[in-house]
Every structure is written in C-alpha cells, then in structure tokens.
Amino acid sequence: MDTTQNPNQIPSKRKSVPLWVGFIAALLVWEVIPWAISLLMPRYGWTDGHPTLWNLLGLIPVIVGNIGLFWGVLAHSAQTPVRIDFELDKPYLLTDRLYRYSRNPMYVAELILLFGWIVFYGSVALVIAFVIWYMFFNYYAIPQEERILEEHFGEPYREYKTKVARWFGKIQS
C-alpha cells in the first residue's frame, strides 16, 4: 500500500479502538441512526408500511456506500493493525486505490450511503440530515483535516492536493 511517512513523527499514545468496535460503531451510525431519523417525518413512496420498488432502489447506493465505508476502515486499519485510529494527525498519508480519485473517499461513501437511505425511506428528514452532514464535512471536518495534513506532511500533501479532488475525480493539469 502506498503511504507517505513523516520521518520526524514521534510515536505517542493515540486514540484508537479495536477494529470490531469500529465496525459496530459504523453500523450503528450509518444503519440505525438513518432509520431513526426517517421516523421523524412521513415516508414517501411507502405503502402499507412497506417500501415500493422505487424505494428499494435506494438499497443500491446503501450497499455501495457500505462497501466504500468498510473499505476505508480497512485501509486505515492496515496502517494501525487491528485498531482504528481516531487521531486526525495520522502518521501516514494514503494516496493509492480510492485515494487516487478522492482525497476523502470515506466521506463520499458516507454521503452515498445516506443518499441511499433517503431513497429507501423516502424521508425529508434524511434529506435535511444529508445537507447538514455535507455542510459539516465540506466546511468543518475536511478543512480541519487538510490543515493538519499540510502541517504534518508539507509538500507531499500539497502536491497530492493539486492532483486529486477533494470530493471526486482527478484534477486536470
């Protein structure tokens, strides 16, 4: 796996959890919470308490998003075996596989997953949650992570930013 290490990194006690805890937390956040949010408002497209065919199509992005999310967890846990590191200042920089097409493939996967739940549940409440989550990612989480990565990795990260889009796609030079 292609990673860039910072030779000046001083090992420290890092916030992390076992891999299985991370998977359970992801399931709770991305499967249970959308269901609970969907109960706040009517479900459009549902008849007699069941999703219609159009709602069931939402399961396609749910599956794609889950695969992307779990791939991302595994990609990061490969750097810190059997644990998930929650520190923003990571001792490695992922630039291969999905990170060739997005600097934030896990966030993209989470938004795809949430979009799938919007379609599946036909929920306006989930549309609102999607917009809030996107704004949180785009205007808070990602800029904070980018500042930390730039401070930590310097020029290699700045060069990576010129080649790979924040959300998706290669930047044309």
Protein backbone atom coordinates (compact mmCIF):
# COMPACT_ATOMS: atom_id res chain seq x y z
CA MET A 1 0.00 0.00 0.00
CA ASP A 2 1.39 3.39 -0.99
CA THR A 3 1.79 5.61 2.06
CA THR A 4 3.99 8.54 2.86
CA GLN A 5 5.58 8.50 6.29
CA ASN A 6 6.84 11.55 8.14
CA PRO A 7 10.35 10.66 9.36
CA ASN A 8 10.03 13.24 12.16
CA GLN A 9 6.94 11.55 13.59
CA ILE A 10 7.35 10.94 17.29
CA PRO A 11 5.25 7.98 18.48
CA SER A 12 2.65 9.00 21.01
CA LYS A 13 -0.31 7.48 22.76
CA ARG A 14 -3.04 7.64 20.13
CA LYS A 15 -6.82 7.42 20.48
CA SER A 16 -7.90 4.18 18.86
CA VAL A 17 -10.35 1.33 19.26
CA PRO A 18 -10.27 -2.32 18.21
CA LEU A 19 -11.34 -2.91 14.62
CA TRP A 20 -14.50 -4.80 15.62
CA VAL A 21 -15.64 -1.84 17.76
CA GLY A 22 -15.21 0.44 14.74
CA PHE A 23 -17.35 -1.82 12.57
CA ILE A 24 -20.12 -1.96 15.18
CA ALA A 25 -19.98 1.84 15.61
CA ALA A 26 -20.20 2.30 11.82
CA LEU A 27 -23.23 0.02 11.67
CA LEU A 28 -24.95 1.96 14.44
CA VAL A 29 -24.19 5.36 12.93
CA TRP A 30 -24.92 4.54 9.28
CA GLU A 31 -27.72 1.98 9.61
CA VAL A 32 -29.61 2.61 12.86
CA ILE A 33 -29.47 6.42 13.02
CA PRO A 34 -30.85 6.91 9.46
CA TRP A 35 -33.72 4.56 10.32
CA ALA A 36 -34.44 6.55 13.50
CA ILE A 37 -34.27 9.88 11.64
CA SER A 38 -36.63 8.52 8.98
CA LEU A 39 -39.28 8.02 11.67
CA LEU A 40 -39.44 11.77 12.33
CA MET A 41 -41.45 12.51 9.17
CA PRO A 42 -43.67 10.63 6.70
CA ARG A 43 -42.05 8.09 4.40
CA TYR A 44 -42.82 8.95 0.79
CA GLY A 45 -43.36 6.08 -1.62
CA TRP A 46 -44.16 3.55 1.08
CA THR A 47 -47.50 1.72 1.02
CA ASP A 48 -48.96 -0.22 3.92
CA GLY A 49 -45.76 0.29 5.90
CA HIS A 50 -43.52 -1.22 3.19
CA PRO A 51 -41.15 0.29 0.64
CA THR A 52 -42.19 0.24 -3.02
CA LEU A 53 -39.88 -0.84 -5.83
CA TRP A 54 -38.65 2.75 -6.25
CA ASN A 55 -37.73 2.92 -2.57
CA LEU A 56 -35.96 -0.44 -2.81
CA LEU A 57 -33.66 1.04 -5.47
CA GLY A 58 -32.16 3.06 -2.63
CA LEU A 59 -30.54 -0.14 -1.37
CA ILE A 60 -28.09 0.01 -4.30
CA PRO A 61 -26.32 3.16 -3.04
CA VAL A 62 -26.67 1.82 0.53
CA ILE A 63 -24.67 -1.26 -0.48
CA VAL A 64 -22.13 0.79 -2.48
CA GLY A 65 -21.73 3.23 0.43
CA ASN A 66 -21.29 0.42 2.96
CA ILE A 67 -18.63 -1.22 0.79
CA GLY A 68 -16.79 2.11 0.47
CA LEU A 69 -17.08 2.82 4.17
CA PHE A 70 -15.80 -0.59 5.22
CA TRP A 71 -13.04 -0.45 2.61
CA GLY A 72 -11.93 2.87 4.13
CA VAL A 73 -11.94 1.47 7.65
CA LEU A 74 -9.84 -1.48 6.48
CA ALA A 75 -7.45 0.78 4.53
CA HIS A 76 -6.80 2.86 7.64
CA SER A 77 -6.65 -0.13 9.97
CA ALA A 78 -3.99 -1.67 7.69
CA GLN A 79 -1.77 1.19 8.84
CA THR A 80 -2.51 0.51 12.51
CA PRO A 81 -3.24 -3.27 12.52
CA VAL A 82 -6.40 -4.50 14.28
CA ARG A 83 -7.19 -0.99 15.54
CA ILE A 84 -8.90 2.10 14.17
CA ASP A 85 -7.00 5.29 14.88
CA PHE A 86 -9.25 8.31 15.55
CA GLU A 87 -6.49 10.91 15.60
CA LEU A 88 -6.69 13.47 12.79
CA ASP A 89 -2.89 13.73 12.71
CA LYS A 90 -2.11 10.32 11.27
CA PRO A 91 1.48 9.08 10.87
CA TYR A 92 0.70 8.04 7.29
CA LEU A 93 -0.81 9.56 4.15
CA LEU A 94 -2.94 7.32 1.95
CA THR A 95 -2.66 8.20 -1.74
CA ASP A 96 -3.43 4.95 -3.55
CA ARG A 97 -6.55 2.98 -4.51
CA LEU A 98 -9.67 5.11 -3.97
CA TYR A 99 -7.47 7.92 -2.65
CA ARG A 100 -6.29 8.40 -6.26
CA TYR A 101 -9.78 9.66 -7.13
CA SER A 102 -10.85 11.42 -3.93
CA ARG A 103 -8.97 12.89 -1.00
CA ASN A 104 -11.99 11.88 1.10
CA PRO A 105 -13.38 8.57 -0.19
CA MET A 106 -14.83 7.62 3.18
CA TYR A 107 -16.86 10.83 3.33
CA VAL A 108 -18.00 10.21 -0.25
CA ALA A 109 -19.04 6.68 0.76
CA GLU A 110 -20.93 8.00 3.79
CA LEU A 111 -22.83 10.51 1.66
CA ILE A 112 -23.65 7.84 -0.94
CA LEU A 113 -24.88 5.62 1.88
CA LEU A 114 -27.03 8.39 3.34
CA PHE A 115 -28.42 9.19 -0.13
CA GLY A 116 -29.45 5.54 -0.44
CA TRP A 117 -31.32 5.75 2.86
CA ILE A 118 -33.06 8.91 1.61
CA VAL A 119 -34.37 7.00 -1.41
CA PHE A 120 -35.17 3.85 0.58
CA TYR A 121 -37.08 5.62 3.36
CA GLY A 122 -38.44 8.43 1.16
CA SER A 123 -37.63 10.72 4.06
CA VAL A 124 -37.43 14.51 4.00
CA ALA A 125 -35.83 14.35 7.46
CA LEU A 126 -32.95 12.38 5.92
CA VAL A 127 -32.60 14.98 3.15
CA ILE A 128 -32.12 17.59 5.88
CA ALA A 129 -29.61 15.31 7.65
CA PHE A 130 -27.77 14.82 4.33
CA VAL A 131 -27.44 18.58 3.77
CA ILE A 132 -26.25 19.12 7.35
CA TRP A 133 -23.76 16.26 7.10
CA TYR A 134 -22.42 17.51 3.75
CA MET A 135 -22.01 21.03 5.16
CA PHE A 136 -20.24 19.62 8.24
CA PHE A 137 -17.84 17.64 6.05
CA ASN A 138 -17.19 20.37 3.50
CA TYR A 139 -16.91 23.39 5.78
CA TYR A 140 -15.57 21.96 9.03
CA ALA A 141 -14.16 18.42 9.04
CA ILE A 142 -12.29 18.42 5.73
CA PRO A 143 -10.69 21.89 6.08
CA GLN A 144 -9.53 20.93 9.59
CA GLU A 145 -8.06 17.65 8.34
CA GLU A 146 -6.42 19.39 5.38
CA ARG A 147 -4.69 21.90 7.67
CA ILE A 148 -3.39 19.10 9.88
CA LEU A 149 -2.19 17.01 6.92
CA GLU A 150 -0.49 20.02 5.35
CA GLU A 151 1.32 20.81 8.61
CA HIS A 152 2.30 17.17 9.10
CA PHE A 153 3.31 16.15 5.55
CA GLY A 154 4.05 19.52 3.92
CA GLU A 155 4.93 19.43 0.25
CA PRO A 156 3.91 15.79 -0.45
CA TYR A 157 0.38 16.59 0.74
CA ARG A 158 0.23 19.90 -1.14
CA GLU A 159 1.30 18.08 -4.32
CA TYR A 160 -1.35 15.40 -3.68
CA LYS A 161 -3.99 18.15 -3.31
CA THR A 162 -3.08 19.51 -6.76
CA LYS A 163 -3.66 16.08 -8.34
CA VAL A 164 -6.74 14.72 -6.56
CA ALA A 165 -10.06 16.48 -5.98
CA ARG A 166 -11.49 16.98 -2.50
CA TRP A 167 -14.64 15.03 -3.38
CA PHE A 168 -14.19 13.02 -6.55
CA GLY A 169 -12.17 12.95 -9.75
CA LYS A 170 -8.69 13.74 -10.92
CA ILE A 171 -7.71 17.37 -11.28
CA GLN A 172 -6.66 18.13 -14.82
CA SER A 173 -3.28 19.86 -15.04
